[in-house]
Amino acid sequence: MPKLDRSPMRVTAEYDTPMPMRDGTVLRGSVHRRAEGGPFPALLARSPYGEGPFRAIPLTAALEAGFAVVLQHCRGRGTSDGEFRPWLDEGDDGHDTIAWITAQPWSNGEVVMTGMSYLAGCALQAAATRPPGLKAVYAAMTPHDFHDGLKYHGGALALGSALNWGAMQAALGLMHAAEAGEDVGAAFGPLLPAMTDPAAAVRTLPLDAVEGIPWWHDWISHPERDAYWQGLAETLRHDRIEAPVMHVAGWFDLFLSGTLENHRRLGGPLVIGPWSHLTSASSGTGRLDFGFSASAQAIQLEQRQLAFLQGRDTGPAVKIFVMGDDVWRDEESWPLARAVETRYHLHPGGLLSPDPPAPGAEPATFTFDPRDPVPTTGGPTLLADPTNVGPQDQRDVERRADVLCYTSEALGSDLEVTGPVTVTLRAGTSAACTDWTAKLVNVHPDGRAMSVTDGIVRTTTAAGTYTVDLVATSQVFKAGHRIRVQISSSNFPRFDRNPGTGRPAALATEAELVVQRQRVFPDSFITLPVVPR
């Protein structure tokens, strides 16, 4: 790969360039390259969102580094022909696009891919087809599986993000059809509720009554990871990916678990910042500002991205932002080998303590009514309200009768929690089944209760021992702060409501929702990866 070249350059740009796929469908995109010199390696990005995400591609820097840059619209999007089918065609289309690039007279036969979210998924799916010429992939904030961690978390439907993204893609599809001369006026009608009043749309029951989103019924009618999802998973076979991959994640990104799993399976450098899905360029997330040093610019992430794609990256294996201390730190691996799994127990009366409770204590109880679910307040979200994300003050939520709070004594010294976090609940419900939610909270001396990370598990039994995956964090609870754990049975609309009937949640009507009387036993605990200071 060439070294960075800062000399003045003239650039040629070709737009709506046709690129034929194996089935005869013609995709289109733009090709940018130096007017002189060559042949060039190519940097490829593929998007289903039109031109918008291409603005995040480091076009000028890549050209200066000696790359040609190809920005392609996925099939059925932008100026590309065909029908958009989420995730289904991206592997083969990416493979064929790379073959097209390497056959061009300006190409030296080498291609790298880059992107965030769906664009990163396109790159990994292409890599799984082992296209000749693909040398490296930069994948930021993308899931590892299309069921687990994307449409479902702990068995619960990621309702808010699924509806928000599905409605956006349905609208893009209608716009694409309209530009092709089709009459789509009637088709916009069923989609309008989700687009104009998303707060009302997420309360639609039954869920399969939502209209206008072509893939909605498939998503909600397959709550288990069955043959439908397994077929999609075949397009992202990690065991077939040979190109090196650099991974970027955010502590408040809804795909944090997916990025960590991609890293576990594929190796490669890992960077985790205090970011949500849409805030990696900023210094703040939610209601906290971590300072300029928290931004991607502060660690020159764009420069490192290009260095990795050029095969000359010398950065650390793992680079994480430690919240609370608000500093970046280099690590040798993830998770941290020196972190000590430490249990904090949920005591009667609301105490959170490393000491186990006395035997025989009575369970804590609350009543959950799915007609009045606990509202989503921050966290790793991608909702219609973009401000409802990241660390948010939980005090209003904690005043609810259906939220249990367990709080530690004020810390005498700093306590660092870095790594995977889980809550183990021994619990029961009066209903046929229920959900259990857990949230880790940092309580400041002034009373602010700022969310750190959260999770959910959907049960199929009325009682048992359940593990709630809170994914991971790097949070220093400063001296004088308190650690808090919230337990409840809903986090809406981030997740759909469990009707308590035992039947598929997507089929439940308002009349079928069951009031659920919950018990949480005191031998429950949170497991925190405590890093010695």
Protein backbone atom coordinates (compact mmCIF):
# COMPACT_ATOMS: atom_id res chain seq x y z
CA MET A 1 0.00 0.00 0.00
CA PRO A 2 1.28 3.55 -0.75
CA LYS A 3 2.47 5.95 1.89
CA LEU A 4 0.68 9.20 2.63
CA ASP A 5 1.28 11.77 -0.11
CA ARG A 6 0.47 15.43 0.73
CA SER A 7 1.51 16.88 -2.63
CA PRO A 8 -1.08 18.93 -4.56
CA MET A 9 -3.29 16.76 -6.71
CA ARG A 10 -5.96 16.95 -9.37
CA VAL A 11 -8.91 14.61 -8.95
CA THR A 12 -11.31 13.06 -11.43
CA ALA A 13 -14.80 12.06 -10.32
CA GLU A 14 -17.20 9.89 -12.29
CA TYR A 15 -20.82 9.72 -11.05
CA ASP A 16 -23.56 7.13 -11.63
CA THR A 17 -20.94 4.71 -12.88
CA PRO A 18 -22.65 1.39 -13.78
CA MET A 19 -21.35 -1.75 -12.07
CA PRO A 20 -23.08 -4.99 -13.22
CA MET A 21 -23.77 -7.78 -10.72
CA ARG A 22 -23.83 -11.51 -11.45
CA ASP A 23 -27.65 -11.57 -11.80
CA GLY A 24 -27.62 -8.75 -14.35
CA THR A 25 -28.71 -6.03 -11.90
CA VAL A 26 -26.76 -2.80 -12.41
CA LEU A 27 -25.59 -0.98 -9.30
CA ARG A 28 -24.17 2.50 -9.52
CA GLY A 29 -21.82 4.72 -7.64
CA SER A 30 -19.14 7.35 -7.92
CA VAL A 31 -15.46 6.78 -8.59
CA HIS A 32 -12.91 9.32 -7.33
CA ARG A 33 -9.20 9.12 -8.15
CA ARG A 34 -6.16 11.18 -8.90
CA ALA A 35 -6.03 12.54 -12.42
CA GLU A 36 -2.40 11.48 -12.76
CA GLY A 37 -0.54 8.36 -11.81
CA GLY A 38 -1.83 4.95 -10.97
CA PRO A 39 -2.73 2.22 -10.91
CA PHE A 40 -4.31 2.68 -7.49
CA PRO A 41 -5.61 0.54 -4.66
CA ALA A 42 -9.29 1.24 -4.06
CA LEU A 43 -11.24 2.12 -0.92
CA LEU A 44 -14.84 0.91 -1.25
CA ALA A 45 -17.91 1.92 0.78
CA ARG A 46 -21.45 0.67 0.06
CA SER A 47 -24.55 2.42 1.48
CA PRO A 48 -28.34 1.87 1.51
CA TYR A 49 -28.97 5.44 2.71
CA GLY A 50 -28.21 7.54 -0.34
CA GLU A 51 -25.37 10.04 -0.33
CA GLY A 52 -25.56 11.07 3.35
CA PRO A 53 -23.25 8.46 4.95
CA PHE A 54 -20.62 9.00 2.25
CA ARG A 55 -19.86 12.35 3.89
CA ALA A 56 -18.30 10.39 6.76
CA ILE A 57 -15.88 8.62 4.42
CA PRO A 58 -12.43 10.30 4.56
CA LEU A 59 -12.49 11.02 0.83
CA THR A 60 -9.81 13.69 0.60
CA ALA A 61 -7.48 11.95 3.04
CA ALA A 62 -7.91 8.66 1.20
CA LEU A 63 -7.12 10.28 -2.14
CA GLU A 64 -4.07 11.93 -0.62
CA ALA A 65 -3.04 8.53 0.73
CA GLY A 66 -3.05 7.16 -2.81
CA PHE A 67 -6.40 5.38 -2.89
CA ALA A 68 -9.07 5.58 -5.51
CA VAL A 69 -12.42 5.82 -3.72
CA VAL A 70 -15.58 4.02 -4.85
CA LEU A 71 -18.85 5.02 -3.18
CA GLN A 72 -21.64 2.67 -4.25
CA HIS A 73 -25.39 2.61 -3.58
CA CYS A 74 -26.75 -0.76 -2.48
CA ARG A 75 -29.26 -2.34 -4.85
CA GLY A 76 -32.63 -0.64 -4.81
CA ARG A 77 -31.15 2.51 -3.28
CA GLY A 78 -29.81 5.77 -4.67
CA THR A 79 -29.26 5.35 -8.39
CA SER A 80 -28.81 1.56 -8.27
CA ASP A 81 -31.30 -0.79 -9.87
CA GLY A 82 -32.98 -3.76 -8.22
CA GLU A 83 -34.90 -4.43 -5.02
CA PHE A 84 -33.46 -3.63 -1.60
CA ARG A 85 -33.66 -6.65 0.72
CA PRO A 86 -31.99 -5.90 4.07
CA TRP A 87 -28.71 -7.80 4.43
CA LEU A 88 -29.64 -10.51 1.94
CA ASP A 89 -27.68 -9.40 -1.13
CA GLU A 90 -24.78 -7.48 0.38
CA GLY A 91 -22.26 -10.32 0.41
CA ASP A 92 -22.61 -11.26 -3.25
CA ASP A 93 -23.01 -7.65 -4.37
CA GLY A 94 -19.90 -6.64 -2.45
CA HIS A 95 -17.97 -9.53 -3.98
CA ASP A 96 -19.07 -8.59 -7.51
CA THR A 97 -18.25 -4.93 -6.92
CA ILE A 98 -14.73 -5.81 -5.82
CA ALA A 99 -14.34 -7.95 -8.96
CA TRP A 100 -15.52 -4.98 -11.05
CA ILE A 101 -13.03 -2.66 -9.35
CA THR A 102 -10.03 -4.96 -9.79
CA ALA A 103 -10.84 -5.26 -13.50
CA GLN A 104 -10.63 -1.48 -14.09
CA PRO A 105 -7.56 -0.08 -15.84
CA TRP A 106 -6.93 2.35 -12.98
CA SER A 107 -6.90 -0.46 -10.35
CA ASN A 108 -3.81 -2.20 -9.05
CA GLY A 109 -5.93 -5.19 -7.97
CA GLU A 110 -6.13 -4.30 -4.28
CA VAL A 111 -9.32 -3.21 -2.46
CA VAL A 112 -10.12 -2.24 1.13
CA MET A 113 -13.58 -1.61 2.57
CA THR A 114 -14.78 0.81 5.22
CA GLY A 115 -17.97 1.90 6.91
CA MET A 116 -20.11 2.25 9.99
CA SER A 117 -23.30 0.41 10.95
CA TYR A 118 -25.01 -1.10 7.86
CA LEU A 119 -22.05 0.00 5.73
CA ALA A 120 -19.70 -1.93 8.01
CA GLY A 121 -21.99 -4.94 7.78
CA CYS A 122 -21.77 -4.72 3.97
CA ALA A 123 -17.99 -4.85 4.28
CA LEU A 124 -17.98 -7.89 6.60
CA GLN A 125 -20.52 -9.73 4.45
CA ALA A 126 -18.37 -9.09 1.39
CA ALA A 127 -15.29 -10.28 3.28
CA ALA A 128 -17.11 -13.51 4.13
CA THR A 129 -17.25 -14.33 0.39
CA ARG A 130 -13.43 -14.18 0.23
CA PRO A 131 -13.21 -11.94 -2.84
CA PRO A 132 -9.78 -11.92 -4.49
CA GLY A 133 -8.12 -8.57 -3.90
CA LEU A 134 -9.78 -7.64 -0.59
CA LYS A 135 -6.93 -6.66 1.72
CA ALA A 136 -8.53 -5.13 4.85
CA VAL A 137 -11.80 -3.98 6.45
CA TYR A 138 -12.58 -1.12 8.83
CA ALA A 139 -15.89 -1.91 10.61
CA ALA A 140 -17.42 0.53 13.08
CA MET A 141 -20.49 -0.03 15.27
CA THR A 142 -22.05 -3.00 13.52
CA PRO A 143 -23.77 -6.18 14.75
CA HIS A 144 -22.31 -9.65 14.54
CA ASP A 145 -25.66 -11.35 13.92
CA PHE A 146 -28.94 -10.22 12.39
CA HIS A 147 -31.08 -11.72 15.17
CA ASP A 148 -29.06 -11.51 18.36
CA GLY A 149 -28.01 -7.96 19.13
CA LEU A 150 -29.78 -6.41 16.14
CA LYS A 151 -33.49 -7.15 16.08
CA TYR A 152 -33.59 -9.03 19.41
CA HIS A 153 -31.74 -8.55 22.70
CA GLY A 154 -32.06 -11.20 25.37
CA GLY A 155 -35.10 -12.51 23.51
CA ALA A 156 -36.96 -9.16 23.48
CA LEU A 157 -37.67 -7.29 20.25
CA ALA A 158 -35.62 -4.11 19.87
CA LEU A 159 -38.89 -2.36 19.08
CA GLY A 160 -37.87 1.29 18.89
CA SER A 161 -34.83 0.85 16.66
CA ALA A 162 -36.51 -1.79 14.47
CA LEU A 163 -39.54 0.41 13.83
CA ASN A 164 -37.46 3.56 13.35
CA TRP A 165 -35.02 1.94 10.91
CA GLY A 166 -37.69 -0.09 9.14
CA ALA A 167 -39.87 2.97 8.51
CA MET A 168 -36.88 4.94 7.22
CA GLN A 169 -35.89 2.17 4.82
CA ALA A 170 -39.48 1.73 3.64
CA ALA A 171 -39.66 5.45 2.90
CA LEU A 172 -36.35 5.33 1.01
CA GLY A 173 -37.73 2.44 -1.04
CA LEU A 174 -40.83 4.42 -2.00
CA MET A 175 -38.70 7.42 -2.92
CA HIS A 176 -36.51 5.18 -5.08
CA ALA A 177 -39.61 3.80 -6.81
CA ALA A 178 -41.02 7.30 -7.34
CA GLU A 179 -37.78 8.43 -8.96
CA ALA A 180 -38.12 5.46 -11.32
CA GLY A 181 -41.52 6.76 -12.38
CA GLU A 182 -43.79 4.54 -10.27
CA ASP A 183 -46.94 5.88 -8.61
CA VAL A 184 -46.34 5.32 -4.89
CA GLY A 185 -48.91 7.71 -3.45
CA ALA A 186 -51.17 4.97 -2.08
CA ALA A 187 -48.22 3.08 -0.57
CA PHE A 188 -47.20 6.05 1.59
CA GLY A 189 -50.50 5.95 3.50
CA PRO A 190 -49.84 2.84 5.65
CA LEU A 191 -46.34 4.12 6.44
CA LEU A 192 -47.38 7.58 7.64
CA PRO A 193 -48.20 6.62 11.28
CA ALA A 194 -44.70 5.30 11.87
CA MET A 195 -43.14 8.34 10.20
CA THR A 196 -45.29 11.14 11.64
CA ASP A 197 -46.12 9.85 15.14
CA PRO A 198 -43.52 7.27 16.20
CA ALA A 199 -44.49 7.60 19.88
CA ALA A 200 -47.96 6.32 19.00
CA ALA A 201 -46.70 3.79 16.46
CA VAL A 202 -44.60 1.88 19.01
CA ARG A 203 -47.76 1.38 21.12
CA THR A 204 -49.55 -0.37 18.22
CA LEU A 205 -51.03 -3.69 19.33
CA PRO A 206 -50.87 -6.27 18.07
CA LEU A 207 -47.44 -5.55 16.65
CA ASP A 208 -48.25 -7.35 13.43
CA ALA A 209 -50.82 -4.61 12.74
CA VAL A 210 -47.98 -2.22 11.84
CA GLU A 211 -48.17 -1.59 8.09
CA GLY A 212 -46.02 -0.16 5.35
CA ILE A 213 -42.71 -1.83 6.28
CA PRO A 214 -42.12 -4.74 3.88
CA TRP A 215 -39.97 -6.82 6.26
CA TRP A 216 -41.80 -6.07 9.51
CA HIS A 217 -43.85 -9.26 9.65
CA ASP A 218 -40.74 -11.39 9.07
CA TRP A 219 -38.87 -9.67 11.90
CA ILE A 220 -41.61 -9.93 14.52
CA SER A 221 -42.89 -13.40 13.63
CA HIS A 222 -39.49 -15.00 14.19
CA PRO A 223 -38.61 -14.16 17.82
CA GLU A 224 -36.36 -17.22 18.07
CA ARG A 225 -33.16 -17.60 16.10
CA ASP A 226 -34.79 -20.02 13.68
CA ALA A 227 -34.21 -20.96 10.04
CA TYR A 228 -35.20 -17.47 8.89
CA TRP A 229 -32.36 -15.84 10.83
CA GLN A 230 -29.98 -18.71 10.21
CA GLY A 231 -30.37 -18.17 6.49
CA LEU A 232 -29.32 -14.55 6.91
CA ALA A 233 -26.46 -15.62 9.18
CA GLU A 234 -25.00 -17.63 6.32
CA THR A 235 -24.19 -14.30 4.65
CA LEU A 236 -21.95 -13.33 7.59
CA ARG A 237 -19.79 -16.37 8.22
CA HIS A 238 -16.97 -15.19 10.49
CA ASP A 239 -15.07 -18.42 9.86
CA ARG A 240 -14.75 -17.44 6.20
CA ILE A 241 -13.36 -13.94 6.77
CA GLU A 242 -9.63 -13.83 6.05
CA ALA A 243 -8.98 -10.11 5.59
CA PRO A 244 -7.78 -8.28 8.72
CA VAL A 245 -10.46 -6.16 10.42
CA MET A 246 -10.25 -3.07 12.64
CA HIS A 247 -13.23 -2.63 14.99
CA VAL A 248 -14.64 0.58 16.50
CA ALA A 249 -17.35 0.62 19.19
CA GLY A 250 -19.12 2.98 21.58
CA TRP A 251 -20.01 2.34 25.21
CA PHE A 252 -23.52 3.65 24.44
CA ASP A 253 -23.89 2.13 20.98
CA LEU A 254 -26.73 -0.35 20.52
CA PHE A 255 -24.30 -2.60 18.61
CA LEU A 256 -21.61 -2.70 21.30
CA SER A 257 -22.20 -6.40 21.89
CA GLY A 258 -21.94 -7.07 18.15
CA THR A 259 -18.69 -5.16 17.72
CA LEU A 260 -17.15 -6.92 20.73
CA GLU A 261 -18.22 -10.29 19.34
CA ASN A 262 -16.84 -9.43 15.90
CA HIS A 263 -13.55 -8.58 17.60
CA ARG A 264 -13.60 -11.81 19.63
CA ARG A 265 -14.14 -13.92 16.53
CA LEU A 266 -11.95 -12.06 14.05
CA GLY A 267 -9.23 -10.38 16.11
CA GLY A 268 -7.74 -7.09 14.96
CA PRO A 269 -7.43 -3.68 16.65
CA LEU A 270 -10.33 -2.51 18.84
CA VAL A 271 -11.23 1.07 19.78
CA ILE A 272 -14.10 1.85 22.20
CA GLY A 273 -15.12 5.45 22.89
CA PRO A 274 -17.83 7.01 25.11
CA TRP A 275 -20.10 7.30 22.09
CA SER A 276 -23.60 6.42 21.00
CA HIS A 277 -24.41 5.27 17.48
CA LEU A 278 -24.42 8.82 16.14
CA THR A 279 -21.98 10.74 18.39
CA SER A 280 -18.44 9.47 17.76
CA ALA A 281 -17.41 12.89 16.45
CA SER A 282 -18.51 14.72 19.59
CA SER A 283 -17.20 15.09 23.14
CA GLY A 284 -20.52 14.42 24.84
CA THR A 285 -23.14 11.68 24.89
CA GLY A 286 -26.54 11.99 26.50
CA ARG A 287 -26.36 14.30 29.51
CA LEU A 288 -22.62 14.02 30.07
CA ASP A 289 -19.77 15.84 28.38
CA PHE A 290 -16.50 13.94 28.59
CA GLY A 291 -14.42 16.75 27.09
CA PHE A 292 -12.80 17.18 23.70
CA SER A 293 -10.38 14.36 24.44
CA ALA A 294 -13.31 11.94 24.16
CA SER A 295 -13.88 12.65 20.46
CA ALA A 296 -12.64 10.57 17.55
CA GLN A 297 -10.69 13.58 16.31
CA ALA A 298 -8.75 13.75 19.58
CA ILE A 299 -7.26 10.29 19.02
CA GLN A 300 -6.83 10.85 15.25
CA LEU A 301 -9.11 7.92 14.50
CA GLU A 302 -9.42 8.83 10.82
CA GLN A 303 -5.66 8.77 10.41
CA ARG A 304 -5.43 5.43 12.16
CA GLN A 305 -8.23 4.05 9.98
CA LEU A 306 -6.25 4.87 6.84
CA ALA A 307 -3.02 3.56 8.35
CA PHE A 308 -4.73 0.25 9.11
CA LEU A 309 -6.22 -0.01 5.64
CA GLN A 310 -2.77 0.68 4.20
CA GLY A 311 -1.29 -2.14 6.27
CA ARG A 312 0.96 0.13 8.32
CA ASP A 313 -0.97 0.51 11.60
CA THR A 314 1.24 0.49 14.70
CA GLY A 315 -1.44 1.48 17.23
CA PRO A 316 -2.35 -0.45 20.38
CA ALA A 317 -4.27 -3.72 20.16
CA VAL A 318 -7.06 -2.22 22.27
CA LYS A 319 -7.77 1.44 23.05
CA ILE A 320 -10.61 2.29 25.43
CA PHE A 321 -12.01 5.47 26.95
CA VAL A 322 -12.29 5.11 30.73
CA MET A 323 -15.31 7.12 31.86
CA GLY A 324 -15.09 8.81 35.24
CA ASP A 325 -11.36 9.30 34.81
CA ASP A 326 -12.24 10.54 31.29
CA VAL A 327 -9.01 9.36 29.72
CA TRP A 328 -8.00 7.04 26.90
CA ARG A 329 -5.99 3.97 27.86
CA ASP A 330 -4.14 1.40 25.78
CA GLU A 331 -4.64 -2.28 26.60
CA GLU A 332 -3.15 -5.53 25.36
CA SER A 333 -6.44 -7.40 24.98
CA TRP A 334 -10.19 -7.39 25.63
CA PRO A 335 -11.56 -8.26 28.14
CA LEU A 336 -8.85 -7.10 30.54
CA ALA A 337 -7.06 -10.08 32.06
CA ARG A 338 -6.46 -8.24 35.33
CA ALA A 339 -10.15 -7.44 35.94
CA VAL A 340 -11.56 -9.34 38.92
CA GLU A 341 -15.17 -10.56 38.72
CA THR A 342 -16.77 -9.15 41.88
CA ARG A 343 -20.31 -9.80 43.06
CA TYR A 344 -22.44 -7.07 44.56
CA HIS A 345 -25.52 -8.58 46.17
CA LEU A 346 -29.10 -7.26 46.12
CA HIS A 347 -30.07 -7.01 49.79
CA PRO A 348 -33.56 -6.64 51.27
CA GLY A 349 -34.37 -2.98 51.77
CA GLY A 350 -32.40 -1.85 48.72
CA LEU A 351 -28.76 -2.19 49.81
CA LEU A 352 -26.16 -3.20 47.21
CA SER A 353 -23.15 -4.76 48.89
CA PRO A 354 -20.23 -7.12 48.24
CA ASP A 355 -21.38 -9.04 51.32
CA PRO A 356 -24.05 -11.69 50.73
CA PRO A 357 -27.41 -11.20 52.47
CA ALA A 358 -28.47 -13.23 55.46
CA PRO A 359 -30.29 -16.48 54.55
CA GLY A 360 -34.05 -16.61 54.68
CA ALA A 361 -34.74 -13.01 53.73
CA GLU A 362 -38.03 -12.22 52.02
CA PRO A 363 -38.08 -11.30 48.32
CA ALA A 364 -38.66 -7.78 47.07
CA THR A 365 -41.90 -7.37 45.15
CA PHE A 366 -43.45 -5.04 42.58
CA THR A 367 -46.30 -5.07 40.09
CA PHE A 368 -45.69 -4.65 36.39
CA ASP A 369 -48.53 -3.52 34.15
CA PRO A 370 -47.57 -3.70 30.44
CA ARG A 371 -50.15 -0.98 29.76
CA ASP A 372 -47.88 1.41 31.72
CA PRO A 373 -44.32 0.25 30.99
CA VAL A 374 -41.16 1.84 32.38
CA PRO A 375 -40.13 4.48 29.82
CA THR A 376 -36.79 4.22 28.09
CA THR A 377 -34.51 6.86 29.60
CA GLY A 378 -31.18 6.89 27.85
CA GLY A 379 -28.95 3.93 27.13
CA PRO A 380 -27.68 2.37 23.89
CA THR A 381 -30.65 3.47 21.80
CA LEU A 382 -31.47 4.42 18.23
CA LEU A 383 -34.95 5.85 18.67
CA ALA A 384 -36.97 8.40 16.75
CA ASP A 385 -35.98 10.88 19.49
CA PRO A 386 -32.21 11.16 18.98
CA THR A 387 -31.73 12.92 22.34
CA ASN A 388 -32.98 9.92 24.32
CA VAL A 389 -29.61 8.20 24.33
CA GLY A 390 -26.54 7.61 26.46
CA PRO A 391 -26.18 8.57 30.13
CA GLN A 392 -29.40 10.15 31.41
CA ASP A 393 -30.59 11.07 34.91
CA GLN A 394 -32.70 8.19 36.23
CA ARG A 395 -34.36 9.87 39.21
CA ASP A 396 -37.80 10.15 37.59
CA VAL A 397 -37.69 6.49 36.60
CA GLU A 398 -36.59 5.47 40.08
CA ARG A 399 -39.66 7.09 41.65
CA ARG A 400 -41.89 4.52 39.96
CA ALA A 401 -43.36 1.74 42.09
CA ASP A 402 -42.37 -0.86 39.47
CA VAL A 403 -38.64 -0.11 39.65
CA LEU A 404 -36.52 -1.67 42.41
CA CYS A 405 -33.32 0.18 43.35
CA TYR A 406 -30.33 -1.32 45.14
CA THR A 407 -27.67 1.21 46.15
CA SER A 408 -24.22 0.83 47.68
CA GLU A 409 -22.76 2.91 50.48
CA ALA A 410 -20.76 5.93 49.33
CA LEU A 411 -17.42 4.73 48.02
CA GLY A 412 -14.38 5.58 50.08
CA SER A 413 -12.09 5.40 47.04
CA ASP A 414 -12.37 5.16 43.29
CA LEU A 415 -13.67 1.87 41.92
CA GLU A 416 -13.01 1.01 38.28
CA VAL A 417 -15.42 -1.31 36.45
CA THR A 418 -14.09 -2.29 33.02
CA GLY A 419 -15.35 -5.32 31.12
CA PRO A 420 -18.47 -7.46 30.71
CA VAL A 421 -21.31 -6.84 33.20
CA THR A 422 -24.11 -9.27 34.08
CA VAL A 423 -26.94 -9.42 36.59
CA THR A 424 -28.02 -12.81 37.95
CA LEU A 425 -31.61 -12.82 39.22
CA ARG A 426 -33.49 -15.48 41.09
CA ALA A 427 -36.96 -14.26 40.44
CA GLY A 428 -40.55 -15.21 39.76
CA THR A 429 -43.79 -13.84 38.34
CA SER A 430 -47.51 -14.50 38.72
CA ALA A 431 -47.83 -14.58 34.92
CA ALA A 432 -46.94 -17.35 32.51
CA CYS A 433 -43.74 -15.49 31.65
CA THR A 434 -42.22 -12.02 31.92
CA ASP A 435 -39.21 -9.83 31.16
CA TRP A 436 -36.49 -8.84 33.59
CA THR A 437 -34.54 -5.64 33.02
CA ALA A 438 -31.43 -4.44 34.83
CA LYS A 439 -29.55 -1.16 34.71
CA LEU A 440 -26.22 -0.10 36.21
CA VAL A 441 -26.31 3.48 37.51
CA ASN A 442 -23.64 5.91 38.77
CA VAL A 443 -25.10 7.98 41.63
CA HIS A 444 -23.27 11.30 42.02
CA PRO A 445 -22.89 13.10 45.36
CA ASP A 446 -25.37 15.76 44.16
CA GLY A 447 -28.03 13.08 43.69
CA ARG A 448 -27.84 12.66 39.91
CA ALA A 449 -28.34 9.01 38.99
CA MET A 450 -26.65 8.63 35.61
CA SER A 451 -27.20 5.46 33.62
CA VAL A 452 -24.13 3.45 32.64
CA THR A 453 -25.37 0.30 30.89
CA ASP A 454 -28.48 -1.88 30.81
CA GLY A 455 -29.99 -5.11 29.48
CA ILE A 456 -33.04 -7.37 29.32
CA VAL A 457 -33.92 -11.05 29.32
CA ARG A 458 -37.24 -12.51 28.15
CA THR A 459 -38.28 -15.60 30.08
CA THR A 460 -40.30 -18.62 29.07
CA THR A 461 -40.96 -19.73 32.63
CA ALA A 462 -42.74 -18.23 35.63
CA ALA A 463 -39.77 -18.66 37.99
CA GLY A 464 -36.10 -19.45 37.84
CA THR A 465 -32.59 -18.04 37.79
CA TYR A 466 -31.96 -15.65 34.91
CA THR A 467 -28.90 -13.83 33.57
CA VAL A 468 -29.35 -10.30 32.25
CA ASP A 469 -26.52 -9.31 29.92
CA LEU A 470 -25.58 -5.64 30.40
CA VAL A 471 -22.86 -6.08 27.74
CA ALA A 472 -19.86 -4.05 28.97
CA THR A 473 -18.56 -0.71 30.17
CA SER A 474 -15.50 1.12 31.42
CA GLN A 475 -16.67 3.32 34.28
CA VAL A 476 -14.78 4.63 37.28
CA PHE A 477 -17.17 5.19 40.18
CA LYS A 478 -15.39 8.02 41.94
CA ALA A 479 -14.93 8.31 45.69
CA GLY A 480 -18.13 9.67 47.21
CA HIS A 481 -20.28 8.17 44.44
CA ARG A 482 -22.60 5.20 44.90
CA ILE A 483 -23.24 2.19 42.68
CA ARG A 484 -26.88 1.46 41.95
CA VAL A 485 -28.70 -1.38 40.21
CA GLN A 486 -32.25 -0.94 38.91
CA ILE A 487 -34.46 -4.00 38.43
CA SER A 488 -37.78 -3.93 36.60
CA SER A 489 -39.69 -5.69 33.81
CA SER A 490 -39.76 -3.19 30.95
CA ASN A 491 -37.74 -0.59 29.09
CA PHE A 492 -40.14 0.83 26.53
CA PRO A 493 -39.94 1.54 23.63
CA ARG A 494 -36.37 0.35 23.43
CA PHE A 495 -37.87 -3.12 23.86
CA ASP A 496 -41.38 -4.37 23.23
CA ARG A 497 -43.67 -5.23 26.14
CA ASN A 498 -44.04 -8.78 27.41
CA PRO A 499 -47.81 -9.43 27.55
CA GLY A 500 -47.34 -12.16 30.16
CA THR A 501 -49.55 -14.65 28.31
CA GLY A 502 -46.88 -17.05 27.12
CA ARG A 503 -48.04 -16.56 23.54
CA PRO A 504 -45.91 -14.72 20.95
CA ALA A 505 -45.66 -11.08 21.99
CA ALA A 506 -46.27 -9.88 18.43
CA LEU A 507 -49.81 -11.29 18.52
CA ALA A 508 -50.91 -9.75 21.84
CA THR A 509 -53.78 -7.26 21.81
CA GLU A 510 -54.36 -4.54 24.40
CA ALA A 511 -57.10 -6.62 26.00
CA GLU A 512 -54.78 -9.60 26.46
CA LEU A 513 -52.07 -7.79 28.44
CA VAL A 514 -51.61 -9.41 31.84
CA VAL A 515 -50.70 -7.57 35.05
CA GLN A 516 -47.60 -9.32 36.42
CA ARG A 517 -46.73 -9.54 40.14
CA GLN A 518 -43.00 -9.90 40.45
CA ARG A 519 -40.65 -11.27 43.12
CA VAL A 520 -36.88 -10.76 43.25
CA PHE A 521 -35.06 -12.91 45.79
CA PRO A 522 -32.12 -11.56 47.80
CA ASP A 523 -29.63 -14.14 46.51
CA SER A 524 -29.55 -12.12 43.27
CA PHE A 525 -26.41 -10.17 42.36
CA ILE A 526 -24.57 -8.09 39.78
CA THR A 527 -21.13 -9.22 38.60
CA LEU A 528 -18.75 -6.29 38.08
CA PRO A 529 -15.29 -6.62 36.49
CA VAL A 530 -13.30 -4.60 39.02
CA VAL A 531 -9.88 -3.43 37.86
CA PRO A 532 -7.29 -2.99 40.62
CA ARG A 533 -6.19 0.63 40.85
